[in-house]
Every structure is written in C-alpha cells, then in structure tokens.
C-alpha cells in the first residue's frame, strides 16, 4: 500500500457515516463452547445450554439461534431439541483412528501387549527368589 492509497482509505474511513454500536452483531462469548457441547452430545436445547453454560433462558435461546444460524444444529423439533448437523461420534473413535493412521493403532496394540507381558512377568515369582526377604535388616535388630 502506497501513501496515496493510504490517504484515500483514511479519508473514506472518516467520511463514511458512522454506524451505531448496537447495530453490529457480536457473536456470543458462549458460542464456541456451546458448539462443542452440541456436537459432543449430538443434540442441543435451551435447558441443556442453561445447565452447561450456566446462563439464563434468554441468553441460552440467543446462543441456540446463533448455533442454528451457523449450521451447527438443525432447527429444534417439537420437543425443543435440536440435532447436531455434524456430531462427534465418540463410539466411532477407534475406527476413525484406524482410517486416519493405521500406524497409530499398531503402536497402541504394541504398547498394550508390552504392558501385558510386563504384568505377567511381575506376577510370576523369580527362580532365584526361593526364601522370603528378612523384614528387618540385620543392622537394625534390637540391641538386647
């Protein structure tokens, strides 16, 4: 941007009619958390938002309308519950890991097998361990 473009844009900025602050629609500070909750639970309603966001009914209704506007949830059904458009399926996470990176699932399987092997080794007594350890070391015996 050169000096002429900067001066022109600065003049346009001050020459434009100012918009009242109330006319600008600011997103709710609860929107990102509400979107994640709605996707994680696959549904959303006003009482749900009130409970999880700890807000009043009017704020929860506004957040729900924003979620509908941003296509996070569908319009509520007769019961007042809106379904998530793109829910996070927790029960399908292992399949998603297999599809995304088979190497990760292989490493997890190797780690599980190694833990099982170590657990069985610890549960078996050693061949050299035939007698019980002395609970009191000889240096700490009573001097009677």
C-alpha atoms as a PDB file:
ATOM      1  CA  UNK A   1       0.000   0.000   0.000  1.00  0.00           C
ATOM      2  CA  UNK A   2       1.474   3.317  -1.008  1.00  0.00           C
ATOM      3  CA  UNK A   3       0.906   6.730   0.556  1.00  0.00           C
ATOM      4  CA  UNK A   4      -1.828   7.735  -1.894  1.00  0.00           C
ATOM      5  CA  UNK A   5      -3.911   4.567  -1.262  1.00  0.00           C
ATOM      6  CA  UNK A   6      -3.453   5.000   2.483  1.00  0.00           C
ATOM      7  CA  UNK A   7      -4.626   8.621   2.405  1.00  0.00           C
ATOM      8  CA  UNK A   8      -7.613   7.701   0.246  1.00  0.00           C
ATOM      9  CA  UNK A   9      -8.669   4.864   2.546  1.00  0.00           C
ATOM     10  CA  UNK A  10      -8.187   7.074   5.607  1.00  0.00           C
ATOM     11  CA  UNK A  11     -10.418   9.764   4.068  1.00  0.00           C
ATOM     12  CA  UNK A  12     -13.052   7.170   3.215  1.00  0.00           C
ATOM     13  CA  UNK A  13     -12.964   5.877   6.777  1.00  0.00           C
ATOM     14  CA  UNK A  14     -13.646   9.280   8.325  1.00  0.00           C
ATOM     15  CA  UNK A  15     -16.044  10.350   5.588  1.00  0.00           C
ATOM     16  CA  UNK A  16     -18.338   7.343   5.964  1.00  0.00           C
ATOM     17  CA  UNK A  17     -21.438   7.639   8.094  1.00  0.00           C
ATOM     18  CA  UNK A  18     -20.782   6.091  11.470  1.00  0.00           C
ATOM     19  CA  UNK A  19     -22.847   3.062  12.423  1.00  0.00           C
ATOM     20  CA  UNK A  20     -24.252   2.846  15.933  1.00  0.00           C
ATOM     21  CA  UNK A  21     -22.502   0.277  18.095  1.00  0.00           C
ATOM     22  CA  UNK A  22     -25.717  -1.603  18.875  1.00  0.00           C
ATOM     23  CA  UNK A  23     -26.258  -2.343  15.187  1.00  0.00           C
ATOM     24  CA  UNK A  24     -23.165  -4.539  14.992  1.00  0.00           C
ATOM     25  CA  UNK A  25     -23.991  -8.167  15.786  1.00  0.00           C
ATOM     26  CA  UNK A  26     -21.251  -9.546  18.002  1.00  0.00           C
ATOM     27  CA  UNK A  27     -21.015 -13.312  18.453  1.00  0.00           C
ATOM     28  CA  UNK A  28     -21.843 -14.664  21.867  1.00  0.00           C
ATOM     29  CA  UNK A  29     -18.853 -15.454  24.091  1.00  0.00           C
ATOM     30  CA  UNK A  30     -20.513 -18.813  24.771  1.00  0.00           C
ATOM     31  CA  UNK A  31     -20.793 -19.779  21.099  1.00  0.00           C
ATOM     32  CA  UNK A  32     -17.644 -21.912  20.757  1.00  0.00           C
ATOM     33  CA  UNK A  33     -18.292 -23.860  23.965  1.00  0.00           C
ATOM     34  CA  UNK A  34     -21.954 -24.343  23.029  1.00  0.00           C
ATOM     35  CA  UNK A  35     -20.980 -25.606  19.569  1.00  0.00           C
ATOM     36  CA  UNK A  36     -18.578 -28.153  21.043  1.00  0.00           C
ATOM     37  CA  UNK A  37     -21.159 -29.312  23.608  1.00  0.00           C
ATOM     38  CA  UNK A  38     -23.848 -29.645  20.941  1.00  0.00           C
ATOM     39  CA  UNK A  39     -21.550 -31.682  18.685  1.00  0.00           C
ATOM     40  CA  UNK A  40     -20.292 -33.861  21.545  1.00  0.00           C
ATOM     41  CA  UNK A  41     -23.801 -34.646  22.814  1.00  0.00           C
ATOM     42  CA  UNK A  42     -25.332 -34.780  19.287  1.00  0.00           C
ATOM     43  CA  UNK A  43     -28.186 -32.543  20.422  1.00  0.00           C
ATOM     44  CA  UNK A  44     -28.901 -29.176  21.984  1.00  0.00           C
ATOM     45  CA  UNK A  45     -31.808 -27.422  23.689  1.00  0.00           C
ATOM     46  CA  UNK A  46     -32.358 -24.297  25.762  1.00  0.00           C
ATOM     47  CA  UNK A  47     -32.380 -26.150  29.128  1.00  0.00           C
ATOM     48  CA  UNK A  48     -29.249 -28.033  28.029  1.00  0.00           C
ATOM     49  CA  UNK A  49     -27.447 -24.751  27.310  1.00  0.00           C
ATOM     50  CA  UNK A  50     -28.709 -23.201  30.544  1.00  0.00           C
ATOM     51  CA  UNK A  51     -27.348 -26.139  32.531  1.00  0.00           C
ATOM     52  CA  UNK A  52     -23.953 -26.437  30.849  1.00  0.00           C
ATOM     53  CA  UNK A  53     -23.187 -22.762  30.191  1.00  0.00           C
ATOM     54  CA  UNK A  54     -24.752 -21.542  33.455  1.00  0.00           C
ATOM     55  CA  UNK A  55     -26.724 -18.779  31.721  1.00  0.00           C
ATOM     56  CA  UNK A  56     -30.323 -17.589  31.838  1.00  0.00           C
ATOM     57  CA  UNK A  57     -33.031 -18.730  29.405  1.00  0.00           C
ATOM     58  CA  UNK A  58     -32.850 -15.624  27.209  1.00  0.00           C
ATOM     59  CA  UNK A  59     -29.091 -15.958  26.699  1.00  0.00           C
ATOM     60  CA  UNK A  60     -29.429 -19.682  26.034  1.00  0.00           C
ATOM     61  CA  UNK A  61     -32.127 -19.002  23.426  1.00  0.00           C
ATOM     62  CA  UNK A  62     -29.851 -16.452  21.740  1.00  0.00           C
ATOM     63  CA  UNK A  63     -26.943 -18.887  21.684  1.00  0.00           C
ATOM     64  CA  UNK A  64     -29.201 -21.604  20.240  1.00  0.00           C
ATOM     65  CA  UNK A  65     -30.313 -19.206  17.482  1.00  0.00           C
ATOM     66  CA  UNK A  66     -26.652 -18.465  16.699  1.00  0.00           C
ATOM     67  CA  UNK A  67     -25.915 -22.200  16.527  1.00  0.00           C
ATOM     68  CA  UNK A  68     -28.806 -22.636  14.106  1.00  0.00           C
ATOM     69  CA  UNK A  69     -27.593 -19.662  12.045  1.00  0.00           C
ATOM     70  CA  UNK A  70     -24.071 -21.075  11.832  1.00  0.00           C
ATOM     71  CA  UNK A  71     -25.466 -24.519  10.843  1.00  0.00           C
ATOM     72  CA  UNK A  72     -24.070 -26.276  13.905  1.00  0.00           C
ATOM     73  CA  UNK A  73     -27.501 -27.643  14.859  1.00  0.00           C
ATOM     74  CA  UNK A  74     -30.742 -28.054  12.938  1.00  0.00           C
ATOM     75  CA  UNK A  75     -33.938 -26.274  13.848  1.00  0.00           C
ATOM     76  CA  UNK A  76     -35.487 -27.689  17.027  1.00  0.00           C
ATOM     77  CA  UNK A  77     -38.150 -30.368  16.725  1.00  0.00           C
ATOM     78  CA  UNK A  78     -41.478 -30.256  18.566  1.00  0.00           C
ATOM     79  CA  UNK A  79     -39.726 -31.423  21.740  1.00  0.00           C
ATOM     80  CA  UNK A  80     -37.423 -28.377  21.628  1.00  0.00           C
ATOM     81  CA  UNK A  81     -34.317 -30.448  20.961  1.00  0.00           C
ATOM     82  CA  UNK A  82     -32.112 -29.534  18.022  1.00  0.00           C
ATOM     83  CA  UNK A  83     -29.926 -32.241  16.486  1.00  0.00           C
ATOM     84  CA  UNK A  84     -26.262 -31.547  15.693  1.00  0.00           C
ATOM     85  CA  UNK A  85     -25.548 -31.308  11.966  1.00  0.00           C
ATOM     86  CA  UNK A  86     -22.029 -32.765  12.267  1.00  0.00           C
ATOM     87  CA  UNK A  87     -21.864 -34.629  15.609  1.00  0.00           C
ATOM     88  CA  UNK A  88     -18.702 -36.031  17.143  1.00  0.00           C
ATOM     89  CA  UNK A  89     -19.182 -39.790  17.419  1.00  0.00           C
ATOM     90  CA  UNK A  90     -17.127 -40.864  20.428  1.00  0.00           C
ATOM     91  CA  UNK A  91     -18.063 -44.533  19.975  1.00  0.00           C
ATOM     92  CA  UNK A  92     -16.588 -44.497  16.451  1.00  0.00           C
ATOM     93  CA  UNK A  93     -13.239 -43.040  17.511  1.00  0.00           C
ATOM     94  CA  UNK A  94     -11.224 -46.290  17.193  1.00  0.00           C
ATOM     95  CA  UNK A  95     -12.473 -46.756  13.630  1.00  0.00           C
ATOM     96  CA  UNK A  96     -11.541 -43.158  12.866  1.00  0.00           C
ATOM     97  CA  UNK A  97      -8.020 -43.754  14.168  1.00  0.00           C
ATOM     98  CA  UNK A  98      -7.715 -46.867  12.002  1.00  0.00           C
ATOM     99  CA  UNK A  99      -8.841 -44.952   8.931  1.00  0.00           C
ATOM    100  CA  UNK A 100      -6.717 -41.880   9.601  1.00  0.00           C
ATOM    101  CA  UNK A 101      -3.485 -43.561  10.651  1.00  0.00           C
ATOM    102  CA  UNK A 102      -3.067 -47.331  10.862  1.00  0.00           C
ATOM    103  CA  UNK A 103       0.413 -46.728  12.287  1.00  0.00           C
ATOM    104  CA  UNK A 104      -1.086 -45.235  15.474  1.00  0.00           C
ATOM    105  CA  UNK A 105      -3.338 -48.222  16.107  1.00  0.00           C
ATOM    106  CA  UNK A 106      -0.377 -50.555  15.564  1.00  0.00           C
ATOM    107  CA  UNK A 107       1.669 -48.647  18.124  1.00  0.00           C
ATOM    108  CA  UNK A 108      -1.187 -48.764  20.611  1.00  0.00           C
ATOM    109  CA  UNK A 109      -1.501 -52.541  20.139  1.00  0.00           C
ATOM    110  CA  UNK A 110       2.251 -52.949  20.674  1.00  0.00           C
ATOM    111  CA  UNK A 111       2.128 -50.875  23.856  1.00  0.00           C
ATOM    112  CA  UNK A 112      -0.804 -52.898  25.225  1.00  0.00           C
ATOM    113  CA  UNK A 113       0.981 -56.180  24.506  1.00  0.00           C
ATOM    114  CA  UNK A 114       4.152 -54.912  26.181  1.00  0.00           C
ATOM    115  CA  UNK A 115       2.218 -53.869  29.302  1.00  0.00           C
ATOM    116  CA  UNK A 116       0.519 -57.281  29.455  1.00  0.00           C
ATOM    117  CA  UNK A 117       3.886 -59.027  29.131  1.00  0.00           C
ATOM    118  CA  UNK A 118       5.410 -56.925  31.917  1.00  0.00           C
ATOM    119  CA  UNK A 119       2.390 -57.555  34.156  1.00  0.00           C
ATOM    120  CA  UNK A 120       2.703 -61.335  33.752  1.00  0.00           C
ATOM    121  CA  UNK A 121       6.445 -61.158  34.463  1.00  0.00           C
ATOM    122  CA  UNK A 122       5.829 -59.229  37.676  1.00  0.00           C
ATOM    123  CA  UNK A 123       3.129 -61.641  38.844  1.00  0.00           C
ATOM    124  CA  UNK A 124       5.381 -64.725  38.484  1.00  0.00           C
ATOM    125  CA  UNK A 125       7.989 -65.315  41.240  1.00  0.00           C
ATOM    126  CA  UNK A 126      11.616 -65.376  40.204  1.00  0.00           C
ATOM    127  CA  UNK A 127      13.564 -68.679  40.212  1.00  0.00           C
ATOM    128  CA  UNK A 128      16.234 -67.112  42.462  1.00  0.00           C
ATOM    129  CA  UNK A 129      13.679 -65.853  44.964  1.00  0.00           C
ATOM    130  CA  UNK A 130      13.178 -69.091  46.971  1.00  0.00           C
ATOM    131  CA  UNK A 131      13.062 -67.710  50.512  1.00  0.00           C
ATOM    132  CA  UNK A 132      11.306 -64.674  51.865  1.00  0.00           C
ATOM    133  CA  UNK A 133      13.181 -61.469  52.438  1.00  0.00           C
ATOM    134  CA  UNK A 134      14.050 -60.576  56.026  1.00  0.00           C
ATOM    135  CA  UNK A 135      11.540 -57.891  57.069  1.00  0.00           C
ATOM    136  CA  UNK A 136      14.037 -56.331  59.495  1.00  0.00           C
ATOM    137  CA  UNK A 137      17.579 -55.804  58.240  1.00  0.00           C
ATOM    138  CA  UNK A 138      20.271 -57.290  60.496  1.00  0.00           C
ATOM    139  CA  UNK A 139      21.782 -53.909  61.206  1.00  0.00           C
ATOM    140  CA  UNK A 140      18.501 -52.664  62.696  1.00  0.00           C
ATOM    141  CA  UNK A 141      17.835 -55.520  65.142  1.00  0.00           C
ATOM    142  CA  UNK A 142      17.073 -54.805  68.821  1.00  0.00           C
ATOM    143  CA  UNK A 143      20.315 -54.373  70.813  1.00  0.00           C
ATOM    144  CA  UNK A 144      19.162 -56.536  73.786  1.00  0.00           C
END
